[in-house]
Amino acid sequence: MKKHLLLGLLATTLTLPAFAALKEGDTAPNFKIPASFAGKATEFSLKDQLKKGPVVVYFYPSAYTNGCNLQAHTFSVNSEKFTAAGATIIGVSQDDIGRLNEFSADPEFCAGKIAVGSDADGKVAKSFQLETRPAAEGKKDTRGVTIDHGFTERTTFIVTPDGKIAATIGGLTSPENVAKSLEAVEKLAAAKKG
């Protein structure tokens, strides 16, 4: 009996995530990072963007990888719906700004419609209590270019103008993640009108 109980506890412990992402109601950490929009380097300040309305902060592992390509593309084709709901979108990864300049302008992915920011040391991701891991040796992107930076788990936060997290979205496919994010900002917009 003790053996089964111990094995059950061990199995439960092993399946728990290493990090527990910030959740609804938590205060979002303020951050300012180098960013790129439509191929041009800029700076992104969460505090400044929140003055305009809610912000969708989506963390992803790496530009030019399958799931991240799909997620960026899905955000970009739906960008007008997010704008209509009063929301700003920022993708955050550990890619350097050079890679992000290419990715943000690429017509297949960000298409000049969404900004992406460089969290090169993973500090911003960790402040949101996300798991990061080092670069995998020999890992290449969909273009065949070696990826020499760390990875952050795919998680999206909807941050309201008062700096609170309205939703934490993780554990979904890229298109589902975007759909849930849009649903969350549209609910915020409806509540503001109502």
N, C-alpha and C. Protein backbone atom coordinates (compact mmCIF):
# COMPACT_ATOMS: atom_id res chain seq x y z
N MET A 1 0.83 -1.20 0.00
CA MET A 1 0.00 0.00 0.00
C MET A 1 0.88 1.26 0.00
N LYS A 2 1.88 1.26 0.91
CA LYS A 2 2.77 2.42 0.98
C LYS A 2 3.49 2.63 -0.35
N LYS A 3 3.89 1.52 -0.97
CA LYS A 3 4.60 1.60 -2.24
C LYS A 3 3.72 2.27 -3.30
N HIS A 4 2.43 1.86 -3.38
CA HIS A 4 1.52 2.44 -4.37
C HIS A 4 1.26 3.92 -4.10
N LEU A 5 1.14 4.26 -2.82
CA LEU A 5 0.93 5.66 -2.44
C LEU A 5 2.14 6.51 -2.83
N LEU A 6 3.32 5.98 -2.53
CA LEU A 6 4.55 6.70 -2.87
C LEU A 6 4.69 6.87 -4.39
N LEU A 7 4.40 5.83 -5.15
CA LEU A 7 4.47 5.91 -6.61
C LEU A 7 3.45 6.91 -7.14
N GLY A 8 2.27 6.94 -6.55
CA GLY A 8 1.24 7.90 -6.96
C GLY A 8 1.67 9.32 -6.69
N LEU A 9 2.27 9.56 -5.52
CA LEU A 9 2.76 10.90 -5.18
C LEU A 9 3.90 11.31 -6.11
N LEU A 10 4.79 10.36 -6.38
CA LEU A 10 5.92 10.64 -7.27
C LEU A 10 5.43 10.97 -8.68
N ALA A 11 4.45 10.23 -9.17
CA ALA A 11 3.90 10.48 -10.51
C ALA A 11 3.25 11.86 -10.56
N THR A 12 2.54 12.22 -9.49
CA THR A 12 1.90 13.53 -9.43
C THR A 12 2.96 14.63 -9.44
N THR A 13 4.01 14.44 -8.66
CA THR A 13 5.08 15.43 -8.58
C THR A 13 5.77 15.61 -9.93
N LEU A 14 6.01 14.52 -10.64
CA LEU A 14 6.71 14.60 -11.91
C LEU A 14 5.90 15.28 -13.00
N THR A 15 4.58 15.28 -12.87
CA THR A 15 3.76 15.88 -13.91
C THR A 15 3.47 17.36 -13.65
N LEU A 16 3.82 17.86 -12.49
CA LEU A 16 3.58 19.26 -12.21
C LEU A 16 4.57 20.12 -13.00
N PRO A 17 4.10 21.27 -13.52
CA PRO A 17 5.02 22.13 -14.26
C PRO A 17 6.09 22.70 -13.35
N ALA A 18 7.26 22.97 -13.93
CA ALA A 18 8.36 23.53 -13.15
C ALA A 18 8.03 24.95 -12.70
N PHE A 19 7.26 25.66 -13.51
CA PHE A 19 6.87 27.02 -13.19
C PHE A 19 5.36 27.10 -13.22
N ALA A 20 4.79 28.00 -12.46
CA ALA A 20 3.35 28.24 -12.52
C ALA A 20 3.18 29.66 -13.02
N ALA A 21 2.76 29.79 -14.26
CA ALA A 21 2.61 31.11 -14.88
C ALA A 21 1.68 31.99 -14.06
N LEU A 22 1.91 33.29 -14.14
CA LEU A 22 1.01 34.23 -13.48
C LEU A 22 -0.40 33.96 -13.97
N LYS A 23 -1.37 34.20 -13.09
CA LYS A 23 -2.75 33.85 -13.43
C LYS A 23 -3.66 35.07 -13.35
N GLU A 24 -4.90 34.85 -13.72
CA GLU A 24 -5.91 35.90 -13.71
C GLU A 24 -5.93 36.61 -12.35
N GLY A 25 -5.93 37.94 -12.39
CA GLY A 25 -5.95 38.74 -11.17
C GLY A 25 -4.58 39.18 -10.69
N ASP A 26 -3.52 38.49 -11.15
CA ASP A 26 -2.17 38.88 -10.76
C ASP A 26 -1.79 40.19 -11.48
N THR A 27 -0.85 40.90 -10.90
CA THR A 27 -0.34 42.11 -11.55
C THR A 27 0.74 41.71 -12.55
N ALA A 28 0.62 42.20 -13.76
CA ALA A 28 1.61 41.90 -14.80
C ALA A 28 2.87 42.69 -14.54
N PRO A 29 4.04 42.06 -14.63
CA PRO A 29 5.29 42.80 -14.48
C PRO A 29 5.44 43.82 -15.61
N ASN A 30 5.84 45.02 -15.26
CA ASN A 30 6.07 46.03 -16.28
C ASN A 30 7.39 45.70 -16.98
N PHE A 31 7.45 45.90 -18.28
CA PHE A 31 8.71 45.65 -18.98
C PHE A 31 8.85 46.56 -20.18
N LYS A 32 10.09 46.77 -20.57
CA LYS A 32 10.45 47.55 -21.75
C LYS A 32 11.52 46.74 -22.47
N ILE A 33 11.30 46.42 -23.75
CA ILE A 33 12.26 45.58 -24.49
C ILE A 33 12.44 46.10 -25.92
N PRO A 34 13.58 45.75 -26.53
CA PRO A 34 13.75 46.05 -27.95
C PRO A 34 12.70 45.24 -28.73
N ALA A 35 12.13 45.85 -29.74
CA ALA A 35 11.09 45.18 -30.51
C ALA A 35 11.25 45.49 -31.99
N SER A 36 10.45 44.81 -32.79
CA SER A 36 10.45 45.05 -34.22
C SER A 36 9.02 45.05 -34.73
N PHE A 37 8.74 46.00 -35.60
CA PHE A 37 7.43 46.07 -36.25
C PHE A 37 7.67 46.35 -37.73
N ALA A 38 7.14 45.48 -38.56
CA ALA A 38 7.27 45.62 -40.02
C ALA A 38 8.74 45.78 -40.45
N GLY A 39 9.63 45.06 -39.78
CA GLY A 39 11.04 45.04 -40.16
C GLY A 39 11.88 46.16 -39.59
N LYS A 40 11.28 47.01 -38.77
CA LYS A 40 12.01 48.14 -38.20
C LYS A 40 12.14 47.99 -36.69
N ALA A 41 13.37 48.18 -36.20
CA ALA A 41 13.61 48.08 -34.76
C ALA A 41 12.97 49.26 -34.05
N THR A 42 12.38 48.98 -32.90
CA THR A 42 11.73 49.99 -32.09
C THR A 42 11.87 49.55 -30.63
N GLU A 43 11.09 50.14 -29.76
CA GLU A 43 11.08 49.72 -28.36
C GLU A 43 9.64 49.50 -27.95
N PHE A 44 9.41 48.48 -27.14
CA PHE A 44 8.06 48.22 -26.65
C PHE A 44 8.04 48.41 -25.15
N SER A 45 7.11 49.24 -24.68
CA SER A 45 6.91 49.48 -23.25
C SER A 45 5.50 49.05 -22.90
N LEU A 46 5.37 48.06 -22.03
CA LEU A 46 4.05 47.61 -21.62
C LEU A 46 3.26 48.75 -20.99
N LYS A 47 3.91 49.50 -20.12
CA LYS A 47 3.25 50.62 -19.44
C LYS A 47 2.65 51.61 -20.45
N ASP A 48 3.43 51.97 -21.46
CA ASP A 48 2.95 52.92 -22.47
C ASP A 48 1.78 52.36 -23.27
N GLN A 49 1.88 51.08 -23.66
CA GLN A 49 0.82 50.48 -24.47
C GLN A 49 -0.48 50.31 -23.68
N LEU A 50 -0.38 50.07 -22.37
CA LEU A 50 -1.58 49.89 -21.56
C LEU A 50 -2.40 51.18 -21.47
N LYS A 51 -1.77 52.32 -21.73
CA LYS A 51 -2.50 53.59 -21.74
C LYS A 51 -3.51 53.62 -22.88
N LYS A 52 -3.29 52.80 -23.90
CA LYS A 52 -4.15 52.76 -25.08
C LYS A 52 -5.24 51.69 -24.98
N GLY A 53 -5.06 50.71 -24.07
CA GLY A 53 -6.03 49.62 -23.95
C GLY A 53 -5.34 48.33 -23.55
N PRO A 54 -6.08 47.22 -23.59
CA PRO A 54 -5.49 45.93 -23.20
C PRO A 54 -4.34 45.52 -24.14
N VAL A 55 -3.44 44.73 -23.58
CA VAL A 55 -2.30 44.24 -24.37
C VAL A 55 -2.27 42.72 -24.31
N VAL A 56 -2.12 42.11 -25.47
CA VAL A 56 -1.94 40.67 -25.60
C VAL A 56 -0.44 40.44 -25.63
N VAL A 57 0.11 39.84 -24.56
CA VAL A 57 1.53 39.54 -24.49
C VAL A 57 1.67 38.04 -24.72
N TYR A 58 2.13 37.67 -25.91
CA TYR A 58 2.24 36.24 -26.18
C TYR A 58 3.71 35.83 -26.28
N PHE A 59 4.07 34.90 -25.40
CA PHE A 59 5.42 34.35 -25.38
C PHE A 59 5.45 33.12 -26.28
N TYR A 60 6.54 32.96 -27.03
CA TYR A 60 6.67 31.82 -27.93
C TYR A 60 8.13 31.39 -27.97
N PRO A 61 8.39 30.13 -28.33
CA PRO A 61 9.77 29.62 -28.28
C PRO A 61 10.76 30.28 -29.22
N SER A 62 10.43 30.40 -30.51
CA SER A 62 11.42 30.93 -31.46
C SER A 62 10.77 31.30 -32.78
N ALA A 63 11.21 32.42 -33.35
CA ALA A 63 10.80 32.78 -34.71
C ALA A 63 11.30 31.71 -35.67
N TYR A 64 10.58 31.54 -36.74
CA TYR A 64 10.94 30.59 -37.79
C TYR A 64 11.00 29.14 -37.29
N THR A 65 10.03 28.78 -36.46
CA THR A 65 9.80 27.37 -36.11
C THR A 65 8.31 27.11 -36.36
N ASN A 66 7.96 25.88 -36.61
CA ASN A 66 6.63 25.57 -37.12
C ASN A 66 5.47 26.17 -36.33
N GLY A 67 5.37 25.86 -35.04
CA GLY A 67 4.26 26.37 -34.24
C GLY A 67 4.26 27.88 -34.12
N CYS A 68 5.44 28.45 -34.01
CA CYS A 68 5.56 29.91 -33.86
C CYS A 68 5.24 30.62 -35.16
N ASN A 69 5.61 30.02 -36.28
CA ASN A 69 5.25 30.58 -37.59
C ASN A 69 3.73 30.63 -37.72
N LEU A 70 3.08 29.53 -37.36
CA LEU A 70 1.63 29.43 -37.46
C LEU A 70 0.95 30.42 -36.51
N GLN A 71 1.48 30.54 -35.30
CA GLN A 71 0.89 31.47 -34.34
C GLN A 71 1.02 32.91 -34.81
N ALA A 72 2.20 33.31 -35.28
CA ALA A 72 2.40 34.67 -35.77
C ALA A 72 1.48 34.94 -36.97
N HIS A 73 1.38 33.98 -37.87
CA HIS A 73 0.50 34.13 -39.04
C HIS A 73 -0.96 34.30 -38.59
N THR A 74 -1.39 33.48 -37.63
CA THR A 74 -2.78 33.53 -37.17
C THR A 74 -3.07 34.85 -36.46
N PHE A 75 -2.12 35.33 -35.65
CA PHE A 75 -2.29 36.65 -35.04
C PHE A 75 -2.37 37.73 -36.11
N SER A 76 -1.49 37.65 -37.12
CA SER A 76 -1.45 38.71 -38.14
C SER A 76 -2.74 38.75 -38.96
N VAL A 77 -3.29 37.59 -39.35
CA VAL A 77 -4.52 37.61 -40.15
C VAL A 77 -5.73 38.05 -39.32
N ASN A 78 -5.61 37.97 -38.01
CA ASN A 78 -6.70 38.40 -37.13
C ASN A 78 -6.41 39.75 -36.46
N SER A 79 -5.33 40.40 -36.87
CA SER A 79 -4.90 41.63 -36.18
C SER A 79 -5.97 42.72 -36.18
N GLU A 80 -6.75 42.83 -37.25
CA GLU A 80 -7.79 43.86 -37.30
C GLU A 80 -8.88 43.61 -36.26
N LYS A 81 -9.16 42.34 -35.98
CA LYS A 81 -10.16 42.01 -34.95
C LYS A 81 -9.65 42.41 -33.57
N PHE A 82 -8.36 42.20 -33.33
CA PHE A 82 -7.78 42.61 -32.05
C PHE A 82 -7.81 44.14 -31.93
N THR A 83 -7.46 44.82 -33.01
CA THR A 83 -7.49 46.29 -33.02
C THR A 83 -8.91 46.79 -32.77
N ALA A 84 -9.90 46.15 -33.39
CA ALA A 84 -11.31 46.55 -33.21
C ALA A 84 -11.74 46.40 -31.75
N ALA A 85 -11.12 45.45 -31.05
CA ALA A 85 -11.43 45.24 -29.63
C ALA A 85 -10.56 46.14 -28.74
N GLY A 86 -9.75 47.01 -29.37
CA GLY A 86 -8.93 47.97 -28.63
C GLY A 86 -7.63 47.42 -28.09
N ALA A 87 -7.22 46.22 -28.56
CA ALA A 87 -6.04 45.56 -28.00
C ALA A 87 -4.81 45.71 -28.88
N THR A 88 -3.65 45.75 -28.24
CA THR A 88 -2.34 45.73 -28.88
C THR A 88 -1.76 44.34 -28.70
N ILE A 89 -1.04 43.85 -29.71
CA ILE A 89 -0.41 42.52 -29.64
C ILE A 89 1.11 42.70 -29.63
N ILE A 90 1.78 41.97 -28.73
CA ILE A 90 3.25 41.89 -28.75
C ILE A 90 3.65 40.42 -28.55
N GLY A 91 4.41 39.89 -29.49
CA GLY A 91 4.98 38.57 -29.33
C GLY A 91 6.35 38.72 -28.68
N VAL A 92 6.68 37.83 -27.75
CA VAL A 92 7.95 37.93 -27.03
C VAL A 92 8.68 36.59 -27.08
N SER A 93 9.95 36.64 -27.51
CA SER A 93 10.78 35.44 -27.54
C SER A 93 12.21 35.84 -27.19
N GLN A 94 13.08 34.84 -27.15
CA GLN A 94 14.49 35.11 -26.86
C GLN A 94 15.31 35.33 -28.14
N ASP A 95 14.63 35.46 -29.28
CA ASP A 95 15.31 35.78 -30.54
C ASP A 95 15.99 37.14 -30.43
N ASP A 96 17.10 37.32 -31.17
CA ASP A 96 17.72 38.65 -31.19
C ASP A 96 16.94 39.55 -32.15
N ILE A 97 17.20 40.84 -32.07
CA ILE A 97 16.42 41.81 -32.84
C ILE A 97 16.62 41.66 -34.34
N GLY A 98 17.79 41.17 -34.77
CA GLY A 98 18.02 40.93 -36.19
C GLY A 98 17.05 39.90 -36.76
N ARG A 99 16.91 38.77 -36.07
CA ARG A 99 15.96 37.73 -36.50
C ARG A 99 14.54 38.27 -36.47
N LEU A 100 14.23 39.07 -35.43
CA LEU A 100 12.87 39.60 -35.29
C LEU A 100 12.55 40.63 -36.37
N ASN A 101 13.55 41.41 -36.81
CA ASN A 101 13.31 42.34 -37.91
C ASN A 101 12.86 41.59 -39.16
N GLU A 102 13.51 40.47 -39.43
CA GLU A 102 13.12 39.65 -40.59
C GLU A 102 11.74 39.04 -40.39
N PHE A 103 11.52 38.48 -39.20
CA PHE A 103 10.26 37.78 -38.88
C PHE A 103 9.07 38.74 -38.91
N SER A 104 9.27 39.94 -38.36
CA SER A 104 8.15 40.89 -38.27
C SER A 104 7.71 41.40 -39.64
N ALA A 105 8.63 41.42 -40.59
CA ALA A 105 8.30 41.89 -41.94
C ALA A 105 7.87 40.76 -42.87
N ASP A 106 8.18 39.52 -42.52
CA ASP A 106 7.92 38.38 -43.40
C ASP A 106 6.42 38.26 -43.71
N PRO A 107 6.04 38.33 -44.99
CA PRO A 107 4.62 38.29 -45.36
C PRO A 107 3.92 36.98 -44.99
N GLU A 108 4.69 35.92 -44.76
CA GLU A 108 4.10 34.64 -44.38
C GLU A 108 3.76 34.56 -42.89
N PHE A 109 4.35 35.42 -42.10
CA PHE A 109 4.22 35.29 -40.64
C PHE A 109 3.65 36.56 -40.00
N CYS A 110 4.45 37.45 -39.48
CA CYS A 110 3.93 38.67 -38.85
C CYS A 110 3.37 39.64 -39.87
N ALA A 111 3.91 39.60 -41.07
CA ALA A 111 3.40 40.37 -42.21
C ALA A 111 3.28 41.87 -41.95
N GLY A 112 4.12 42.40 -41.09
CA GLY A 112 4.08 43.83 -40.79
C GLY A 112 2.84 44.25 -40.03
N LYS A 113 2.15 43.29 -39.41
CA LYS A 113 0.90 43.61 -38.71
C LYS A 113 0.98 43.47 -37.20
N ILE A 114 1.98 42.73 -36.70
CA ILE A 114 2.14 42.58 -35.26
C ILE A 114 3.60 42.80 -34.88
N ALA A 115 3.78 43.33 -33.69
CA ALA A 115 5.14 43.57 -33.17
C ALA A 115 5.65 42.33 -32.46
N VAL A 116 6.97 42.16 -32.51
CA VAL A 116 7.62 41.08 -31.76
C VAL A 116 8.80 41.68 -31.00
N GLY A 117 8.97 41.24 -29.76
CA GLY A 117 10.01 41.81 -28.91
C GLY A 117 11.06 40.79 -28.51
N SER A 118 12.26 41.31 -28.24
CA SER A 118 13.40 40.47 -27.89
C SER A 118 13.64 40.47 -26.38
N ASP A 119 13.42 39.30 -25.79
CA ASP A 119 13.69 39.06 -24.37
C ASP A 119 14.91 38.14 -24.33
N ALA A 120 16.04 38.65 -24.84
CA ALA A 120 17.22 37.83 -25.10
C ALA A 120 17.69 36.99 -23.92
N ASP A 121 17.59 37.50 -22.71
CA ASP A 121 18.06 36.74 -21.55
C ASP A 121 16.93 36.01 -20.81
N GLY A 122 15.70 36.12 -21.33
CA GLY A 122 14.57 35.43 -20.72
C GLY A 122 14.06 36.07 -19.43
N LYS A 123 14.55 37.25 -19.10
CA LYS A 123 14.15 37.91 -17.85
C LYS A 123 12.68 38.24 -17.79
N VAL A 124 12.14 38.72 -18.90
CA VAL A 124 10.72 39.08 -18.93
C VAL A 124 9.87 37.82 -18.77
N ALA A 125 10.22 36.77 -19.49
CA ALA A 125 9.49 35.50 -19.38
C ALA A 125 9.50 35.00 -17.93
N LYS A 126 10.66 35.06 -17.30
CA LYS A 126 10.76 34.59 -15.92
C LYS A 126 9.94 35.46 -14.97
N SER A 127 9.83 36.77 -15.28
CA SER A 127 9.03 37.65 -14.42
C SER A 127 7.54 37.31 -14.51
N PHE A 128 7.13 36.67 -15.63
CA PHE A 128 5.76 36.18 -15.79
C PHE A 128 5.65 34.73 -15.28
N GLN A 129 6.73 34.25 -14.68
CA GLN A 129 6.83 32.90 -14.11
C GLN A 129 6.69 31.81 -15.16
N LEU A 130 7.29 32.06 -16.31
CA LEU A 130 7.30 31.07 -17.38
C LEU A 130 8.61 30.29 -17.37
N GLU A 131 8.54 29.09 -17.86
CA GLU A 131 9.73 28.24 -17.96
C GLU A 131 10.53 28.63 -19.20
N THR A 132 11.82 28.73 -19.02
CA THR A 132 12.73 28.95 -20.15
C THR A 132 13.74 27.81 -20.15
N ARG A 133 14.28 27.52 -21.32
CA ARG A 133 15.32 26.49 -21.39
C ARG A 133 16.39 26.94 -22.37
N PRO A 134 17.60 26.46 -22.18
CA PRO A 134 18.70 26.90 -23.05
C PRO A 134 18.55 26.38 -24.48
N ALA A 135 19.32 26.97 -25.36
CA ALA A 135 19.33 26.55 -26.76
C ALA A 135 19.71 25.08 -26.86
N ALA A 136 19.04 24.38 -27.76
CA ALA A 136 19.37 22.98 -28.01
C ALA A 136 20.47 22.93 -29.07
N GLU A 137 21.52 22.22 -28.77
CA GLU A 137 22.66 22.16 -29.69
C GLU A 137 22.24 21.60 -31.05
N GLY A 138 22.61 22.32 -32.11
CA GLY A 138 22.33 21.85 -33.46
C GLY A 138 20.92 22.11 -33.95
N LYS A 139 20.06 22.73 -33.14
CA LYS A 139 18.67 22.99 -33.53
C LYS A 139 18.65 24.05 -34.63
N LYS A 140 17.88 23.76 -35.69
CA LYS A 140 17.78 24.71 -36.82
C LYS A 140 16.32 25.15 -36.97
N ASP A 141 16.16 26.36 -37.53
CA ASP A 141 14.80 26.84 -37.78
C ASP A 141 14.30 26.34 -39.13
N THR A 142 13.11 26.76 -39.52
CA THR A 142 12.49 26.26 -40.76
C THR A 142 13.24 26.74 -42.01
N ARG A 143 14.15 27.68 -41.84
CA ARG A 143 14.96 28.15 -42.97
C ARG A 143 16.30 27.43 -43.02
N GLY A 144 16.56 26.58 -42.01
CA GLY A 144 17.84 25.87 -41.94
C GLY A 144 18.91 26.64 -41.19
N VAL A 145 18.54 27.75 -40.55
CA VAL A 145 19.48 28.58 -39.78
C VAL A 145 19.56 28.05 -38.35
N THR A 146 20.77 27.95 -37.82
CA THR A 146 20.95 27.48 -36.45
C THR A 146 20.31 28.43 -35.46
N ILE A 147 19.59 27.87 -34.49
CA ILE A 147 18.97 28.67 -33.43
C ILE A 147 19.95 28.68 -32.26
N ASP A 148 20.43 29.87 -31.91
CA ASP A 148 21.46 29.95 -30.87
C ASP A 148 20.96 30.64 -29.60
N HIS A 149 19.66 30.65 -29.41
CA HIS A 149 19.09 31.30 -28.22
C HIS A 149 18.19 30.34 -27.46
N GLY A 150 17.85 30.71 -26.24
CA GLY A 150 16.98 29.89 -25.41
C GLY A 150 15.53 29.96 -25.87
N PHE A 151 14.71 29.12 -25.26
CA PHE A 151 13.30 29.01 -25.61
C PHE A 151 12.43 29.32 -24.39
N THR A 152 11.29 29.93 -24.65
CA THR A 152 10.30 30.21 -23.61
C THR A 152 9.04 29.44 -23.94
N GLU A 153 8.37 28.92 -22.91
CA GLU A 153 7.14 28.16 -23.16
C GLU A 153 6.06 29.06 -23.78
N ARG A 154 5.24 28.47 -24.64
CA ARG A 154 4.18 29.20 -25.35
C ARG A 154 3.04 29.49 -24.37
N THR A 155 2.89 30.75 -24.00
CA THR A 155 1.83 31.17 -23.10
C THR A 155 1.46 32.61 -23.44
N THR A 156 0.17 32.90 -23.40
CA THR A 156 -0.32 34.24 -23.71
C THR A 156 -1.01 34.83 -22.49
N PHE A 157 -0.74 36.10 -22.27
CA PHE A 157 -1.37 36.84 -21.17
C PHE A 157 -2.16 38.00 -21.75
N ILE A 158 -3.38 38.18 -21.28
CA ILE A 158 -4.19 39.34 -21.64
C ILE A 158 -4.08 40.29 -20.46
N VAL A 159 -3.50 41.46 -20.68
CA VAL A 159 -3.25 42.43 -19.62
C VAL A 159 -4.18 43.62 -19.81
N THR A 160 -4.92 43.97 -18.76
CA THR A 160 -5.87 45.09 -18.82
C THR A 160 -5.14 46.41 -18.54
N PRO A 161 -5.75 47.54 -18.92
CA PRO A 161 -5.09 48.83 -18.73
C PRO A 161 -4.65 49.13 -17.30
N ASP A 162 -5.28 48.48 -16.31
CA ASP A 162 -4.85 48.70 -14.92
C ASP A 162 -3.68 47.80 -14.53
N GLY A 163 -3.12 47.08 -15.52
CA GLY A 163 -1.94 46.26 -15.28
C GLY A 163 -2.22 44.89 -14.70
N LYS A 164 -3.48 44.49 -14.68
CA LYS A 164 -3.85 43.17 -14.16
C LYS A 164 -3.98 42.16 -15.30
N ILE A 165 -3.73 40.91 -14.97
CA ILE A 165 -3.88 39.85 -15.96
C ILE A 165 -5.34 39.39 -15.97
N ALA A 166 -5.98 39.52 -17.13
CA ALA A 166 -7.38 39.11 -17.28
C ALA A 166 -7.48 37.65 -17.68
N ALA A 167 -6.45 37.12 -18.33
CA ALA A 167 -6.45 35.71 -18.75
C ALA A 167 -5.03 35.25 -18.99
N THR A 168 -4.79 33.97 -18.67
CA THR A 168 -3.53 33.29 -18.98
C THR A 168 -3.91 32.11 -19.86
N ILE A 169 -3.32 32.04 -21.04
CA ILE A 169 -3.70 31.03 -22.02
C ILE A 169 -2.47 30.21 -22.39
N GLY A 170 -2.50 28.94 -22.08
CA GLY A 170 -1.38 28.05 -22.38
C GLY A 170 -1.87 26.64 -22.63
N GLY A 171 -0.97 25.78 -23.08
CA GLY A 171 -1.30 24.38 -23.30
C GLY A 171 -2.22 24.13 -24.48
N LEU A 172 -2.25 25.07 -25.44
CA LEU A 172 -3.11 24.93 -26.61
C LEU A 172 -2.27 24.96 -27.88
N THR A 173 -2.87 24.55 -28.98
CA THR A 173 -2.19 24.69 -30.26
C THR A 173 -2.11 26.19 -30.58
N SER A 174 -1.27 26.53 -31.52
CA SER A 174 -1.11 27.94 -31.89
C SER A 174 -2.43 28.61 -32.31
N PRO A 175 -3.22 27.99 -33.23
CA PRO A 175 -4.48 28.63 -33.62
C PRO A 175 -5.48 28.74 -32.45
N GLU A 176 -5.52 27.71 -31.59
CA GLU A 176 -6.42 27.75 -30.43
C GLU A 176 -6.00 28.87 -29.47
N ASN A 177 -4.69 29.05 -29.31
CA ASN A 177 -4.16 30.09 -28.45
C ASN A 177 -4.64 31.46 -28.94
N VAL A 178 -4.54 31.69 -30.24
CA VAL A 178 -4.96 32.97 -30.82
C VAL A 178 -6.47 33.15 -30.67
N ALA A 179 -7.24 32.08 -30.93
CA ALA A 179 -8.70 32.16 -30.82
C ALA A 179 -9.13 32.51 -29.39
N LYS A 180 -8.50 31.88 -28.40
CA LYS A 180 -8.83 32.17 -26.99
C LYS A 180 -8.42 33.59 -26.62
N SER A 181 -7.31 34.06 -27.17
CA SER A 181 -6.85 35.42 -26.90
C SER A 181 -7.85 36.43 -27.46
N LEU A 182 -8.32 36.19 -28.68
CA LEU A 182 -9.30 37.08 -29.30
C LEU A 182 -10.60 37.07 -28.51
N GLU A 183 -11.02 35.90 -28.10
CA GLU A 183 -12.24 35.77 -27.29
C GLU A 183 -12.11 36.61 -26.01
N ALA A 184 -10.95 36.55 -25.37
CA ALA A 184 -10.73 37.28 -24.11
C ALA A 184 -10.77 38.79 -24.33
N VAL A 185 -10.14 39.30 -25.38
CA VAL A 185 -10.14 40.75 -25.59
C VAL A 185 -11.51 41.24 -26.05
N GLU A 186 -12.23 40.41 -26.79
CA GLU A 186 -13.59 40.79 -27.21
C GLU A 186 -14.53 40.85 -26.00
N LYS A 187 -14.34 39.97 -25.02
CA LYS A 187 -15.13 40.02 -23.78
C LYS A 187 -14.83 41.30 -23.01
N LEU A 188 -13.55 41.67 -22.95
CA LEU A 188 -13.18 42.92 -22.28
C LEU A 188 -13.82 44.13 -22.97
N ALA A 189 -13.81 44.12 -24.30
CA ALA A 189 -14.40 45.23 -25.06
C ALA A 189 -15.89 45.30 -24.82
N ALA A 190 -16.56 44.14 -24.79
CA ALA A 190 -18.01 44.09 -24.57
C ALA A 190 -18.35 44.58 -23.16
N ALA A 191 -17.53 44.19 -22.18
CA ALA A 191 -17.77 44.61 -20.78
C ALA A 191 -17.60 46.11 -20.65
N LYS A 192 -16.65 46.67 -21.38
CA LYS A 192 -16.39 48.11 -21.33
C LYS A 192 -17.59 48.89 -21.90
N LYS A 193 -18.17 48.36 -22.98
CA LYS A 193 -19.33 49.01 -23.61
C LYS A 193 -20.58 48.88 -22.74
N GLY A 194 -20.73 47.66 -22.15
CA GLY A 194 -21.95 47.32 -21.42
C GLY A 194 -22.05 48.00 -20.10
